[in-house]
Amino acid sequence: MFSQFFQSTAPWNESGWKNDQFDQLLLLARGETDDAKRGKMYGDMQALVSQNCGVGIPVFISNIDGVDKRVQGYSSNPLGGFMGYMFSEQVWLDA
């Protein structure tokens, strides 16, 4: 997401926001193998976006997935409720 929308050269950086510190952190974070250091870098990037970049988030979607041991073939998908709304094609009831 950072690479697609917030990097200075990103094609979908529709706000036109440019920040050299952000771009440098992004490049460094991609190559960092230490999880703690990488997490700190991404946290710093989030702070830069939050404090310096205009971002409009019109809505948040809350999904709750519930299952029963009799329902087979179901798995949670954080990108779309009920397995990306394809659950009826992949789920069956084991009575």
PDB file of N, CA and C in Angstrom:
ATOM      1  N   MET A   1       0.818  -1.179   0.000  1.00  0.00           N
ATOM      2  CA  MET A   1       0.000   0.000   0.000  1.00  0.00           C
ATOM      3  C   MET A   1       0.871   1.255   0.000  1.00  0.00           C
ATOM      4  N   PHE A   2       1.908   1.262   0.818  1.00  0.00           N
ATOM      5  CA  PHE A   2       2.798   2.418   0.839  1.00  0.00           C
ATOM      6  C   PHE A   2       3.426   2.634  -0.536  1.00  0.00           C
ATOM      7  N   SER A   3       3.858   1.545  -1.175  1.00  0.00           N
ATOM      8  CA  SER A   3       4.509   1.654  -2.482  1.00  0.00           C
ATOM      9  C   SER A   3       3.542   2.118  -3.562  1.00  0.00           C
ATOM     10  N   GLN A   4       2.293   1.731  -3.448  1.00  0.00           N
ATOM     11  CA  GLN A   4       1.311   2.049  -4.478  1.00  0.00           C
ATOM     12  C   GLN A   4       0.729   3.448  -4.363  1.00  0.00           C
ATOM     13  N   PHE A   5       0.578   3.955  -3.131  1.00  0.00           N
ATOM     14  CA  PHE A   5      -0.162   5.200  -2.949  1.00  0.00           C
ATOM     15  C   PHE A   5       0.628   6.356  -2.359  1.00  0.00           C
ATOM     16  N   PHE A   6       1.724   6.094  -1.669  1.00  0.00           N
ATOM     17  CA  PHE A   6       2.395   7.169  -0.939  1.00  0.00           C
ATOM     18  C   PHE A   6       3.827   7.443  -1.379  1.00  0.00           C
ATOM     19  N   GLN A   7       4.465   6.510  -2.054  1.00  0.00           N
ATOM     20  CA  GLN A   7       5.812   6.764  -2.555  1.00  0.00           C
ATOM     21  C   GLN A   7       5.739   7.884  -3.589  1.00  0.00           C
ATOM     22  N   SER A   8       6.730   8.757  -3.612  1.00  0.00           N
ATOM     23  CA  SER A   8       6.709   9.929  -4.495  1.00  0.00           C
ATOM     24  C   SER A   8       6.497   9.571  -5.959  1.00  0.00           C
ATOM     25  N   THR A   9       7.062   8.455  -6.390  1.00  0.00           N
ATOM     26  CA  THR A   9       6.979   8.065  -7.798  1.00  0.00           C
ATOM     27  C   THR A   9       5.845   7.085  -8.097  1.00  0.00           C
ATOM     28  N   ALA A  10       5.008   6.796  -7.117  1.00  0.00           N
ATOM     29  CA  ALA A  10       3.928   5.818  -7.305  1.00  0.00           C
ATOM     30  C   ALA A  10       2.897   6.330  -8.308  1.00  0.00           C
ATOM     31  N   PRO A  11       2.470   5.477  -9.239  1.00  0.00           N
ATOM     32  CA  PRO A  11       1.490   5.921 -10.234  1.00  0.00           C
ATOM     33  C   PRO A  11       0.129   6.271  -9.633  1.00  0.00           C
ATOM     34  N   TRP A  12      -0.206   5.711  -8.473  1.00  0.00           N
ATOM     35  CA  TRP A  12      -1.498   6.002  -7.845  1.00  0.00           C
ATOM     36  C   TRP A  12      -1.367   6.991  -6.699  1.00  0.00           C
ATOM     37  N   ASN A  13      -0.286   7.732  -6.661  1.00  0.00           N
ATOM     38  CA  ASN A  13      -0.106   8.785  -5.659  1.00  0.00           C
ATOM     39  C   ASN A  13      -0.896  10.005  -6.136  1.00  0.00           C
ATOM     40  N   GLU A  14      -2.207   9.893  -6.069  1.00  0.00           N
ATOM     41  CA  GLU A  14      -3.089  10.911  -6.633  1.00  0.00           C
ATOM     42  C   GLU A  14      -3.047  12.233  -5.887  1.00  0.00           C
ATOM     43  N   SER A  15      -2.610  12.222  -4.637  1.00  0.00           N
ATOM     44  CA  SER A  15      -2.521  13.475  -3.891  1.00  0.00           C
ATOM     45  C   SER A  15      -1.280  14.268  -4.292  1.00  0.00           C
ATOM     46  N   GLY A  16      -0.319  13.592  -4.920  1.00  0.00           N
ATOM     47  CA  GLY A  16       0.921  14.252  -5.300  1.00  0.00           C
ATOM     48  C   GLY A  16       1.867  14.476  -4.132  1.00  0.00           C
ATOM     49  N   TRP A  17       1.603  13.814  -3.002  1.00  0.00           N
ATOM     50  CA  TRP A  17       2.436  13.981  -1.808  1.00  0.00           C
ATOM     51  C   TRP A  17       3.829  13.444  -2.070  1.00  0.00           C
ATOM     52  N   LYS A  18       4.828  14.216  -1.710  1.00  0.00           N
ATOM     53  CA  LYS A  18       6.220  13.808  -1.868  1.00  0.00           C
ATOM     54  C   LYS A  18       6.957  14.076  -0.567  1.00  0.00           C
ATOM     55  N   ASN A  19       7.684  13.052  -0.099  1.00  0.00           N
ATOM     56  CA  ASN A  19       8.429  13.186   1.140  1.00  0.00           C
ATOM     57  C   ASN A  19       9.685  12.327   1.022  1.00  0.00           C
ATOM     58  N   ASP A  20      10.838  12.972   0.958  1.00  0.00           N
ATOM     59  CA  ASP A  20      12.101  12.249   0.784  1.00  0.00           C
ATOM     60  C   ASP A  20      12.378  11.281   1.931  1.00  0.00           C
ATOM     61  N   GLN A  21      12.051  11.681   3.150  1.00  0.00           N
ATOM     62  CA  GLN A  21      12.277  10.810   4.309  1.00  0.00           C
ATOM     63  C   GLN A  21      11.428   9.543   4.191  1.00  0.00           C
ATOM     64  N   PHE A  22      10.177   9.702   3.789  1.00  0.00           N
ATOM     65  CA  PHE A  22       9.287   8.556   3.598  1.00  0.00           C
ATOM     66  C   PHE A  22       9.848   7.611   2.536  1.00  0.00           C
ATOM     67  N   ASP A  23      10.235   8.168   1.386  1.00  0.00           N
ATOM     68  CA  ASP A  23      10.764   7.344   0.297  1.00  0.00           C
ATOM     69  C   ASP A  23      12.001   6.568   0.735  1.00  0.00           C
ATOM     70  N   GLN A  24      12.879   7.205   1.484  1.00  0.00           N
ATOM     71  CA  GLN A  24      14.091   6.544   1.959  1.00  0.00           C
ATOM     72  C   GLN A  24      13.752   5.421   2.944  1.00  0.00           C
ATOM     73  N   LEU A  25      12.835   5.692   3.877  1.00  0.00           N
ATOM     74  CA  LEU A  25      12.418   4.654   4.826  1.00  0.00           C
ATOM     75  C   LEU A  25      11.795   3.465   4.104  1.00  0.00           C
ATOM     76  N   LEU A  26      11.005   3.735   3.089  1.00  0.00           N
ATOM     77  CA  LEU A  26      10.352   2.672   2.336  1.00  0.00           C
ATOM     78  C   LEU A  26      11.388   1.759   1.683  1.00  0.00           C
ATOM     79  N   LEU A  27      12.388   2.338   1.069  1.00  0.00           N
ATOM     80  CA  LEU A  27      13.437   1.530   0.440  1.00  0.00           C
ATOM     81  C   LEU A  27      14.227   0.728   1.467  1.00  0.00           C
ATOM     82  N   LEU A  28      14.550   1.353   2.583  1.00  0.00           N
ATOM     83  CA  LEU A  28      15.291   0.654   3.634  1.00  0.00           C
ATOM     84  C   LEU A  28      14.466  -0.476   4.248  1.00  0.00           C
ATOM     85  N   ALA A  29      13.176  -0.234   4.486  1.00  0.00           N
ATOM     86  CA  ALA A  29      12.309  -1.232   5.120  1.00  0.00           C
ATOM     87  C   ALA A  29      12.154  -2.471   4.250  1.00  0.00           C
ATOM     88  N   ARG A  30      12.111  -2.291   2.948  1.00  0.00           N
ATOM     89  CA  ARG A  30      11.975  -3.433   2.038  1.00  0.00           C
ATOM     90  C   ARG A  30      13.129  -4.419   2.176  1.00  0.00           C
ATOM     91  N   GLY A  31      14.319  -3.913   2.468  1.00  0.00           N
ATOM     92  CA  GLY A  31      15.487  -4.776   2.564  1.00  0.00           C
ATOM     93  C   GLY A  31      15.878  -5.170   3.978  1.00  0.00           C
ATOM     94  N   GLU A  32      15.168  -4.655   4.976  1.00  0.00           N
ATOM     95  CA  GLU A  32      15.516  -4.931   6.374  1.00  0.00           C
ATOM     96  C   GLU A  32      15.042  -6.320   6.780  1.00  0.00           C
ATOM     97  N   THR A  33      15.950  -7.130   7.321  1.00  0.00           N
ATOM     98  CA  THR A  33      15.594  -8.494   7.734  1.00  0.00           C
ATOM     99  C   THR A  33      15.272  -8.594   9.220  1.00  0.00           C
ATOM    100  N   ASP A  34      15.659  -7.600   9.996  1.00  0.00           N
ATOM    101  CA  ASP A  34      15.348  -7.586  11.428  1.00  0.00           C
ATOM    102  C   ASP A  34      13.910  -7.098  11.609  1.00  0.00           C
ATOM    103  N   ASP A  35      13.038  -7.967  12.130  1.00  0.00           N
ATOM    104  CA  ASP A  35      11.613  -7.638  12.255  1.00  0.00           C
ATOM    105  C   ASP A  35      11.362  -6.403  13.105  1.00  0.00           C
ATOM    106  N   ALA A  36      12.098  -6.249  14.187  1.00  0.00           N
ATOM    107  CA  ALA A  36      11.891  -5.096  15.069  1.00  0.00           C
ATOM    108  C   ALA A  36      12.267  -3.794  14.363  1.00  0.00           C
ATOM    109  N   LYS A  37      13.399  -3.802  13.673  1.00  0.00           N
ATOM    110  CA  LYS A  37      13.820  -2.598  12.945  1.00  0.00           C
ATOM    111  C   LYS A  37      12.847  -2.276  11.814  1.00  0.00           C
ATOM    112  N   ARG A  38      12.427  -3.325  11.110  1.00  0.00           N
ATOM    113  CA  ARG A  38      11.490  -3.128   9.998  1.00  0.00           C
ATOM    114  C   ARG A  38      10.153  -2.592  10.513  1.00  0.00           C
ATOM    115  N   GLY A  39       9.685  -3.134  11.619  1.00  0.00           N
ATOM    116  CA  GLY A  39       8.440  -2.654  12.213  1.00  0.00           C
ATOM    117  C   GLY A  39       8.524  -1.195  12.612  1.00  0.00           C
ATOM    118  N   LYS A  40       9.660  -0.794  13.161  1.00  0.00           N
ATOM    119  CA  LYS A  40       9.864   0.610  13.536  1.00  0.00           C
ATOM    120  C   LYS A  40       9.831   1.505  12.304  1.00  0.00           C
ATOM    121  N   MET A  41      10.452   1.053  11.227  1.00  0.00           N
ATOM    122  CA  MET A  41      10.462   1.838   9.988  1.00  0.00           C
ATOM    123  C   MET A  41       9.046   2.028   9.454  1.00  0.00           C
ATOM    124  N   TYR A  42       8.261   0.956   9.447  1.00  0.00           N
ATOM    125  CA  TYR A  42       6.885   1.071   8.968  1.00  0.00           C
ATOM    126  C   TYR A  42       6.051   1.942   9.904  1.00  0.00           C
ATOM    127  N   GLY A  43       6.319   1.867  11.191  1.00  0.00           N
ATOM    128  CA  GLY A  43       5.642   2.756  12.135  1.00  0.00           C
ATOM    129  C   GLY A  43       5.983   4.211  11.873  1.00  0.00           C
ATOM    130  N   ASP A  44       7.255   4.478  11.592  1.00  0.00           N
ATOM    131  CA  ASP A  44       7.675   5.845  11.266  1.00  0.00           C
ATOM    132  C   ASP A  44       7.012   6.332   9.978  1.00  0.00           C
ATOM    133  N   MET A  45       6.891   5.439   8.991  1.00  0.00           N
ATOM    134  CA  MET A  45       6.217   5.815   7.741  1.00  0.00           C
ATOM    135  C   MET A  45       4.740   6.119   7.993  1.00  0.00           C
ATOM    136  N   GLN A  46       4.092   5.312   8.831  1.00  0.00           N
ATOM    137  CA  GLN A  46       2.688   5.565   9.156  1.00  0.00           C
ATOM    138  C   GLN A  46       2.523   6.920   9.821  1.00  0.00           C
ATOM    139  N   ALA A  47       3.450   7.270  10.703  1.00  0.00           N
ATOM    140  CA  ALA A  47       3.384   8.571  11.372  1.00  0.00           C
ATOM    141  C   ALA A  47       3.559   9.699  10.365  1.00  0.00           C
ATOM    142  N   LEU A  48       4.477   9.551   9.424  1.00  0.00           N
ATOM    143  CA  LEU A  48       4.671  10.580   8.401  1.00  0.00           C
ATOM    144  C   LEU A  48       3.411  10.775   7.570  1.00  0.00           C
ATOM    145  N   VAL A  49       2.787   9.680   7.166  1.00  0.00           N
ATOM    146  CA  VAL A  49       1.553   9.774   6.383  1.00  0.00           C
ATOM    147  C   VAL A  49       0.456  10.422   7.217  1.00  0.00           C
ATOM    148  N   SER A  50       0.313   9.987   8.450  1.00  0.00           N
ATOM    149  CA  SER A  50      -0.736  10.510   9.325  1.00  0.00           C
ATOM    150  C   SER A  50      -0.577  12.002   9.587  1.00  0.00           C
ATOM    151  N   GLN A  51       0.650  12.461   9.778  1.00  0.00           N
ATOM    152  CA  GLN A  51       0.892  13.847  10.168  1.00  0.00           C
ATOM    153  C   GLN A  51       1.067  14.799   8.991  1.00  0.00           C
ATOM    154  N   ASN A  52       1.411  14.268   7.807  1.00  0.00           N
ATOM    155  CA  ASN A  52       1.782  15.158   6.710  1.00  0.00           C
ATOM    156  C   ASN A  52       1.023  14.963   5.408  1.00  0.00           C
ATOM    157  N   CYS A  53       0.269  13.913   5.289  1.00  0.00           N
ATOM    158  CA  CYS A  53      -0.363  13.596   4.009  1.00  0.00           C
ATOM    159  C   CYS A  53      -1.876  13.588   4.167  1.00  0.00           C
ATOM    160  N   GLY A  54      -2.555  14.145   3.204  1.00  0.00           N
ATOM    161  CA  GLY A  54      -4.015  14.114   3.232  1.00  0.00           C
ATOM    162  C   GLY A  54      -4.543  12.776   2.765  1.00  0.00           C
ATOM    163  N   VAL A  55      -5.280  12.122   3.611  1.00  0.00           N
ATOM    164  CA  VAL A  55      -5.855  10.827   3.277  1.00  0.00           C
ATOM    165  C   VAL A  55      -7.318  10.842   3.684  1.00  0.00           C
ATOM    166  N   GLY A  56      -8.200  10.550   2.759  1.00  0.00           N
ATOM    167  CA  GLY A  56      -9.621  10.448   3.079  1.00  0.00           C
ATOM    168  C   GLY A  56     -10.041   8.997   3.131  1.00  0.00           C
ATOM    169  N   ILE A  57     -10.525   8.563   4.267  1.00  0.00           N
ATOM    170  CA  ILE A  57     -11.015   7.192   4.417  1.00  0.00           C
ATOM    171  C   ILE A  57     -12.513   7.300   4.675  1.00  0.00           C
ATOM    172  N   PRO A  58     -13.326   7.086   3.647  1.00  0.00           N
ATOM    173  CA  PRO A  58     -14.758   7.348   3.782  1.00  0.00           C
ATOM    174  C   PRO A  58     -15.527   6.342   4.625  1.00  0.00           C
ATOM    175  N   VAL A  59     -15.016   5.129   4.764  1.00  0.00           N
ATOM    176  CA  VAL A  59     -15.780   4.115   5.474  1.00  0.00           C
ATOM    177  C   VAL A  59     -14.847   2.993   5.942  1.00  0.00           C
ATOM    178  N   PHE A  60     -15.197   2.407   7.063  1.00  0.00           N
ATOM    179  CA  PHE A  60     -14.526   1.211   7.548  1.00  0.00           C
ATOM    180  C   PHE A  60     -15.561   0.099   7.567  1.00  0.00           C
ATOM    181  N   ILE A  61     -15.173  -1.073   7.139  1.00  0.00           N
ATOM    182  CA  ILE A  61     -16.087  -2.212   7.121  1.00  0.00           C
ATOM    183  C   ILE A  61     -15.674  -3.185   8.223  1.00  0.00           C
ATOM    184  N   SER A  62     -16.623  -3.547   9.054  1.00  0.00           N
ATOM    185  CA  SER A  62     -16.378  -4.553  10.083  1.00  0.00           C
ATOM    186  C   SER A  62     -17.032  -5.857   9.656  1.00  0.00           C
ATOM    187  N   ASN A  63     -16.259  -6.906   9.631  1.00  0.00           N
ATOM    188  CA  ASN A  63     -16.772  -8.228   9.293  1.00  0.00           C
ATOM    189  C   ASN A  63     -16.552  -9.161  10.467  1.00  0.00           C
ATOM    190  N   ILE A  64     -17.530  -9.976  10.722  1.00  0.00           N
ATOM    191  CA  ILE A  64     -17.399 -11.020  11.731  1.00  0.00           C
ATOM    192  C   ILE A  64     -17.693 -12.339  11.038  1.00  0.00           C
ATOM    193  N   ASP A  65     -16.772 -13.266  11.129  1.00  0.00           N
ATOM    194  CA  ASP A  65     -16.962 -14.593  10.559  1.00  0.00           C
ATOM    195  C   ASP A  65     -17.214 -15.565  11.698  1.00  0.00           C
ATOM    196  N   GLY A  66     -18.259 -16.338  11.587  1.00  0.00           N
ATOM    197  CA  GLY A  66     -18.564 -17.352  12.584  1.00  0.00           C
ATOM    198  C   GLY A  66     -18.719 -18.699  11.903  1.00  0.00           C
ATOM    199  N   VAL A  67     -18.249 -19.745  12.549  1.00  0.00           N
ATOM    200  CA  VAL A  67     -18.338 -21.073  11.956  1.00  0.00           C
ATOM    201  C   VAL A  67     -18.799 -22.086  12.993  1.00  0.00           C
ATOM    202  N   ASP A  68     -19.186 -23.220  12.516  1.00  0.00           N
ATOM    203  CA  ASP A  68     -19.600 -24.349  13.331  1.00  0.00           C
ATOM    204  C   ASP A  68     -18.830 -25.557  12.810  1.00  0.00           C
ATOM    205  N   LYS A  69     -18.547 -26.516  13.669  1.00  0.00           N
ATOM    206  CA  LYS A  69     -17.760 -27.679  13.242  1.00  0.00           C
ATOM    207  C   LYS A  69     -18.448 -28.468  12.133  1.00  0.00           C
ATOM    208  N   ARG A  70     -19.747 -28.285  11.962  1.00  0.00           N
ATOM    209  CA  ARG A  70     -20.464 -28.977  10.892  1.00  0.00           C
ATOM    210  C   ARG A  70     -20.267 -28.315   9.534  1.00  0.00           C
ATOM    211  N   VAL A  71     -19.811 -27.069   9.511  1.00  0.00           N
ATOM    212  CA  VAL A  71     -19.580 -26.353   8.256  1.00  0.00           C
ATOM    213  C   VAL A  71     -18.180 -26.691   7.762  1.00  0.00           C
ATOM    214  N   GLN A  72     -18.092 -27.238   6.567  1.00  0.00           N
ATOM    215  CA  GLN A  72     -16.813 -27.672   6.000  1.00  0.00           C
ATOM    216  C   GLN A  72     -16.444 -26.799   4.796  1.00  0.00           C
ATOM    217  N   GLY A  73     -15.133 -26.664   4.560  1.00  0.00           N
ATOM    218  CA  GLY A  73     -14.639 -25.919   3.409  1.00  0.00           C
ATOM    219  C   GLY A  73     -14.564 -24.423   3.617  1.00  0.00           C
ATOM    220  N   TYR A  74     -14.886 -23.965   4.811  1.00  0.00           N
ATOM    221  CA  TYR A  74     -14.915 -22.526   5.083  1.00  0.00           C
ATOM    222  C   TYR A  74     -13.610 -22.076   5.718  1.00  0.00           C
ATOM    223  N   SER A  75     -13.106 -20.936   5.267  1.00  0.00           N
ATOM    224  CA  SER A  75     -11.952 -20.313   5.915  1.00  0.00           C
ATOM    225  C   SER A  75     -12.157 -18.809   5.916  1.00  0.00           C
ATOM    226  N   SER A  76     -11.654 -18.167   6.923  1.00  0.00           N
ATOM    227  CA  SER A  76     -11.805 -16.728   7.050  1.00  0.00           C
ATOM    228  C   SER A  76     -10.956 -16.015   6.006  1.00  0.00           C
ATOM    229  N   ASN A  77     -11.458 -14.909   5.471  1.00  0.00           N
ATOM    230  CA  ASN A  77     -10.736 -14.106   4.492  1.00  0.00           C
ATOM    231  C   ASN A  77     -10.868 -12.648   4.883  1.00  0.00           C
ATOM    232  N   PRO A  78      -9.783 -12.011   5.356  1.00  0.00           N
ATOM    233  CA  PRO A  78      -9.877 -10.625   5.812  1.00  0.00           C
ATOM    234  C   PRO A  78     -10.141  -9.630   4.691  1.00  0.00           C
ATOM    235  N   LEU A  79     -10.015 -10.037   3.435  1.00  0.00           N
ATOM    236  CA  LEU A  79     -10.234  -9.113   2.328  1.00  0.00           C
ATOM    237  C   LEU A  79     -11.674  -9.085   1.852  1.00  0.00           C
ATOM    238  N   GLY A  80     -12.480  -9.986   2.320  1.00  0.00           N
ATOM    239  CA  GLY A  80     -13.873 -10.007   1.906  1.00  0.00           C
ATOM    240  C   GLY A  80     -14.659 -10.927   2.799  1.00  0.00           C
ATOM    241  N   GLY A  81     -15.794 -10.463   3.267  1.00  0.00           N
ATOM    242  CA  GLY A  81     -16.604 -11.274   4.150  1.00  0.00           C
ATOM    243  C   GLY A  81     -17.011 -12.579   3.498  1.00  0.00           C
ATOM    244  N   PHE A  82     -17.080 -13.597   4.290  1.00  0.00           N
ATOM    245  CA  PHE A  82     -17.506 -14.912   3.820  1.00  0.00           C
ATOM    246  C   PHE A  82     -16.692 -15.370   2.612  1.00  0.00           C
ATOM    247  N   MET A  83     -15.365 -15.434   2.774  1.00  0.00           N
ATOM    248  CA  MET A  83     -14.455 -15.958   1.751  1.00  0.00           C
ATOM    249  C   MET A  83     -14.552 -15.163   0.452  1.00  0.00           C
ATOM    250  N   GLY A  84     -14.608 -13.872   0.553  1.00  0.00           N
ATOM    251  CA  GLY A  84     -14.692 -13.048  -0.645  1.00  0.00           C
ATOM    252  C   GLY A  84     -16.033 -13.175  -1.337  1.00  0.00           C
ATOM    253  N   TYR A  85     -17.064 -13.487  -0.566  1.00  0.00           N
ATOM    254  CA  TYR A  85     -18.429 -13.638  -1.066  1.00  0.00           C
ATOM    255  C   TYR A  85     -18.555 -14.789  -2.062  1.00  0.00           C
ATOM    256  N   MET A  86     -17.656 -15.770  -1.968  1.00  0.00           N
ATOM    257  CA  MET A  86     -17.711 -16.955  -2.818  1.00  0.00           C
ATOM    258  C   MET A  86     -18.020 -18.200  -1.987  1.00  0.00           C
ATOM    259  N   PHE A  87     -18.495 -18.006  -0.757  1.00  0.00           N
ATOM    260  CA  PHE A  87     -18.675 -19.130   0.157  1.00  0.00           C
ATOM    261  C   PHE A  87     -19.667 -20.168  -0.346  1.00  0.00           C
ATOM    262  N   SER A  88     -20.707 -19.752  -1.052  1.00  0.00           N
ATOM    263  CA  SER A  88     -21.730 -20.713  -1.479  1.00  0.00           C
ATOM    264  C   SER A  88     -21.188 -21.721  -2.485  1.00  0.00           C
ATOM    265  N   GLU A  89     -20.090 -21.400  -3.137  1.00  0.00           N
ATOM    266  CA  GLU A  89     -19.492 -22.305  -4.110  1.00  0.00           C
ATOM    267  C   GLU A  89     -18.487 -23.266  -3.477  1.00  0.00           C
ATOM    268  N   GLN A  90     -18.097 -23.023  -2.212  1.00  0.00           N
ATOM    269  CA  GLN A  90     -17.004 -23.780  -1.628  1.00  0.00           C
ATOM    270  C   GLN A  90     -17.326 -24.413  -0.276  1.00  0.00           C
ATOM    271  N   VAL A  91     -18.505 -24.177   0.254  1.00  0.00           N
ATOM    272  CA  VAL A  91     -18.835 -24.613   1.611  1.00  0.00           C
ATOM    273  C   VAL A  91     -19.962 -25.638   1.574  1.00  0.00           C
ATOM    274  N   TRP A  92     -19.882 -26.626   2.476  1.00  0.00           N
ATOM    275  CA  TRP A  92     -20.950 -27.603   2.591  1.00  0.00           C
ATOM    276  C   TRP A  92     -21.190 -27.920   4.060  1.00  0.00           C
ATOM    277  N   LEU A  93     -22.347 -28.469   4.340  1.00  0.00           N
ATOM    278  CA  LEU A  93     -22.735 -28.813   5.701  1.00  0.00           C
ATOM    279  C   LEU A  93     -22.538 -30.305   5.907  1.00  0.00           C
ATOM    280  N   ASP A  94     -21.782 -30.658   6.934  1.00  0.00           N
ATOM    281  CA  ASP A  94     -21.533 -32.046   7.296  1.00  0.00           C
ATOM    282  C   ASP A  94     -22.376 -32.343   8.529  1.00  0.00           C
ATOM    283  N   ALA A  95     -23.571 -32.863   8.322  1.00  0.00           N
ATOM    284  CA  ALA A  95     -24.529 -33.049   9.412  1.00  0.00           C
ATOM    285  C   ALA A  95     -24.189 -34.215  10.297  1.00  0.00           C
TER     286      ALA A  95
END
